[in-house]
Structures are given as C-alpha cells and as structure tokens.
Amino acid sequence: MNLLFVTSAVCLLKPSTGSAVATGVAAVAWLLFNGPLEGQVLWSLNLQHGLTVSDLLGFVAFGIAVRGWIRVRSRRESNNSVD
C-alpha cells in the first residue's frame, strides 16, 4: 500500500515515464495481491469474486499512471513541435 501511495504521489507531482510505469505496475500488483486488506465488498460477481473498497485504490492509481503518461507524451510532442 505504501508503494502504491508513494508512486502515485511522485507521478502526480513530477510526472515522468518512469513514475507512470512504476505507478501502473504498483496498481496492478495492488489489485492482484491486496487480499488481506480487501475491505467491504461493493459489488459481487459471484461468491468468490467481487469489487472491494481496496480495489478502488488500484483503479485510482492506474488512472493516475495513465494521466502521468499522457502528460509526459503531450509535453514531448509540444517540445518536438517547437523545434
């Protein structure tokens, strides 16, 4: 969880390709390995699977990674168009 928060904060404050990739990897890892911290089930797919409160953190972090990636790409494109 700490890795997820740190990489998300870095990606928000100083977006780079590395921070976006690190945040994306941390988000996917969180979704796969957050078992002990699942929390309340918000939506149940079946008896064993569903969307939990903890899963929302992973989705938000993945959105932050995508936002960071887009910001880096647009900054590169604007720098290339000026040259």
C-alpha atoms as a PDB file:
ATOM      1  CA  MET A   1       0.000   0.000   0.000  1.00  0.00           C
ATOM      2  CA  ASN A   2       2.861   2.355   0.807  1.00  0.00           C
ATOM      3  CA  LEU A   3       4.446   1.717  -2.584  1.00  0.00           C
ATOM      4  CA  LEU A   4       1.136   2.495  -4.247  1.00  0.00           C
ATOM      5  CA  PHE A   5       0.816   5.817  -2.421  1.00  0.00           C
ATOM      6  CA  VAL A   6       4.443   6.850  -2.970  1.00  0.00           C
ATOM      7  CA  THR A   7       4.466   6.082  -6.686  1.00  0.00           C
ATOM      8  CA  SER A   8       1.104   7.816  -7.138  1.00  0.00           C
ATOM      9  CA  ALA A   9       2.318  10.932  -5.311  1.00  0.00           C
ATOM     10  CA  VAL A  10       5.513  11.086  -7.368  1.00  0.00           C
ATOM     11  CA  CYS A  11       3.555  10.616 -10.580  1.00  0.00           C
ATOM     12  CA  LEU A  12       1.174  13.432  -9.642  1.00  0.00           C
ATOM     13  CA  LEU A  13       3.891  15.852  -8.512  1.00  0.00           C
ATOM     14  CA  LYS A  14       6.550  15.168 -11.136  1.00  0.00           C
ATOM     15  CA  PRO A  15       5.217  13.008 -13.958  1.00  0.00           C
ATOM     16  CA  SER A  16       7.762  11.083 -15.974  1.00  0.00           C
ATOM     17  CA  THR A  17       7.738   7.903 -17.978  1.00  0.00           C
ATOM     18  CA  GLY A  18       9.388   6.061 -15.095  1.00  0.00           C
ATOM     19  CA  SER A  19       6.941   7.299 -12.476  1.00  0.00           C
ATOM     20  CA  ALA A  20       3.970   6.463 -14.713  1.00  0.00           C
ATOM     21  CA  VAL A  21       5.263   2.938 -15.333  1.00  0.00           C
ATOM     22  CA  ALA A  22       6.079   2.429 -11.635  1.00  0.00           C
ATOM     23  CA  THR A  23       2.598   3.601 -10.643  1.00  0.00           C
ATOM     24  CA  GLY A  24       0.974   1.336 -13.221  1.00  0.00           C
ATOM     25  CA  VAL A  25       2.967  -1.673 -12.014  1.00  0.00           C
ATOM     26  CA  ALA A  26       2.166  -0.865  -8.372  1.00  0.00           C
ATOM     27  CA  ALA A  27      -1.546  -0.520  -9.233  1.00  0.00           C
ATOM     28  CA  VAL A  28      -1.672  -3.887 -10.980  1.00  0.00           C
ATOM     29  CA  ALA A  29       0.298  -5.515  -8.153  1.00  0.00           C
ATOM     30  CA  TRP A  30      -2.108  -3.995  -5.627  1.00  0.00           C
ATOM     31  CA  LEU A  31      -5.109  -5.404  -7.477  1.00  0.00           C
ATOM     32  CA  LEU A  32      -3.528  -8.864  -7.541  1.00  0.00           C
ATOM     33  CA  PHE A  33      -2.080  -9.042  -4.020  1.00  0.00           C
ATOM     34  CA  ASN A  34      -4.326  -6.935  -1.764  1.00  0.00           C
ATOM     35  CA  GLY A  35      -6.056  -9.976  -0.243  1.00  0.00           C
ATOM     36  CA  PRO A  36      -5.511  -9.268   3.471  1.00  0.00           C
ATOM     37  CA  LEU A  37      -6.738  -5.661   3.116  1.00  0.00           C
ATOM     38  CA  GLU A  38      -9.755  -6.263   0.898  1.00  0.00           C
ATOM     39  CA  GLY A  39     -12.397  -4.417   2.892  1.00  0.00           C
ATOM     40  CA  GLN A  40     -16.115  -4.354   2.255  1.00  0.00           C
ATOM     41  CA  VAL A  41     -17.488  -5.907  -0.936  1.00  0.00           C
ATOM     42  CA  LEU A  42     -19.173  -3.219  -3.028  1.00  0.00           C
ATOM     43  CA  TRP A  43     -20.247  -5.358  -5.950  1.00  0.00           C
ATOM     44  CA  SER A  44     -20.324  -9.136  -6.049  1.00  0.00           C
ATOM     45  CA  LEU A  45     -19.630 -11.012  -9.262  1.00  0.00           C
ATOM     46  CA  ASN A  46     -20.113 -14.426  -7.639  1.00  0.00           C
ATOM     47  CA  LEU A  47     -19.471 -15.967  -4.201  1.00  0.00           C
ATOM     48  CA  GLN A  48     -15.665 -15.824  -4.546  1.00  0.00           C
ATOM     49  CA  HIS A  49     -15.138 -12.680  -6.659  1.00  0.00           C
ATOM     50  CA  GLY A  50     -16.237  -9.092  -6.466  1.00  0.00           C
ATOM     51  CA  LEU A  51     -15.203  -5.443  -6.316  1.00  0.00           C
ATOM     52  CA  THR A  52     -13.967  -4.331  -2.903  1.00  0.00           C
ATOM     53  CA  VAL A  53     -13.126  -0.971  -1.354  1.00  0.00           C
ATOM     54  CA  SER A  54      -9.429  -1.839  -1.593  1.00  0.00           C
ATOM     55  CA  ASP A  55      -9.691  -2.486  -5.331  1.00  0.00           C
ATOM     56  CA  LEU A  56     -10.747   1.119  -5.848  1.00  0.00           C
ATOM     57  CA  LEU A  57      -7.274   2.258  -4.729  1.00  0.00           C
ATOM     58  CA  GLY A  58      -5.719   0.240  -7.535  1.00  0.00           C
ATOM     59  CA  PHE A  59      -8.080   1.679 -10.131  1.00  0.00           C
ATOM     60  CA  VAL A  60      -7.425   5.243  -8.967  1.00  0.00           C
ATOM     61  CA  ALA A  61      -3.663   4.655  -9.036  1.00  0.00           C
ATOM     62  CA  PHE A  62      -3.904   3.211 -12.536  1.00  0.00           C
ATOM     63  CA  GLY A  63      -5.814   6.344 -13.595  1.00  0.00           C
ATOM     64  CA  ILE A  64      -3.035   8.483 -12.102  1.00  0.00           C
ATOM     65  CA  ALA A  65      -0.480   6.466 -14.096  1.00  0.00           C
ATOM     66  CA  VAL A  66      -2.425   6.996 -17.326  1.00  0.00           C
ATOM     67  CA  ARG A  67      -2.736  10.727 -16.573  1.00  0.00           C
ATOM     68  CA  GLY A  68       1.003  10.969 -15.940  1.00  0.00           C
ATOM     69  CA  TRP A  69       1.783   9.084 -19.135  1.00  0.00           C
ATOM     70  CA  ILE A  70      -0.468  11.397 -21.178  1.00  0.00           C
ATOM     71  CA  ARG A  71       1.125  14.500 -19.627  1.00  0.00           C
ATOM     72  CA  VAL A  72       4.630  13.254 -20.462  1.00  0.00           C
ATOM     73  CA  ARG A  73       3.639  12.402 -24.032  1.00  0.00           C
ATOM     74  CA  SER A  74       1.943  15.755 -24.634  1.00  0.00           C
ATOM     75  CA  ARG A  75       4.940  17.605 -23.181  1.00  0.00           C
ATOM     76  CA  ARG A  76       7.284  15.691 -25.515  1.00  0.00           C
ATOM     77  CA  GLU A  77       5.081  16.388 -28.529  1.00  0.00           C
ATOM     78  CA  SER A  78       4.886  20.107 -27.732  1.00  0.00           C
ATOM     79  CA  ASN A  79       8.695  20.267 -27.341  1.00  0.00           C
ATOM     80  CA  ASN A  80       9.179  18.468 -30.658  1.00  0.00           C
ATOM     81  CA  SER A  81       6.763  20.771 -32.488  1.00  0.00           C
ATOM     82  CA  VAL A  82       8.640  23.870 -31.302  1.00  0.00           C
ATOM     83  CA  ASP A  83      11.964  22.585 -32.641  1.00  0.00           C
END
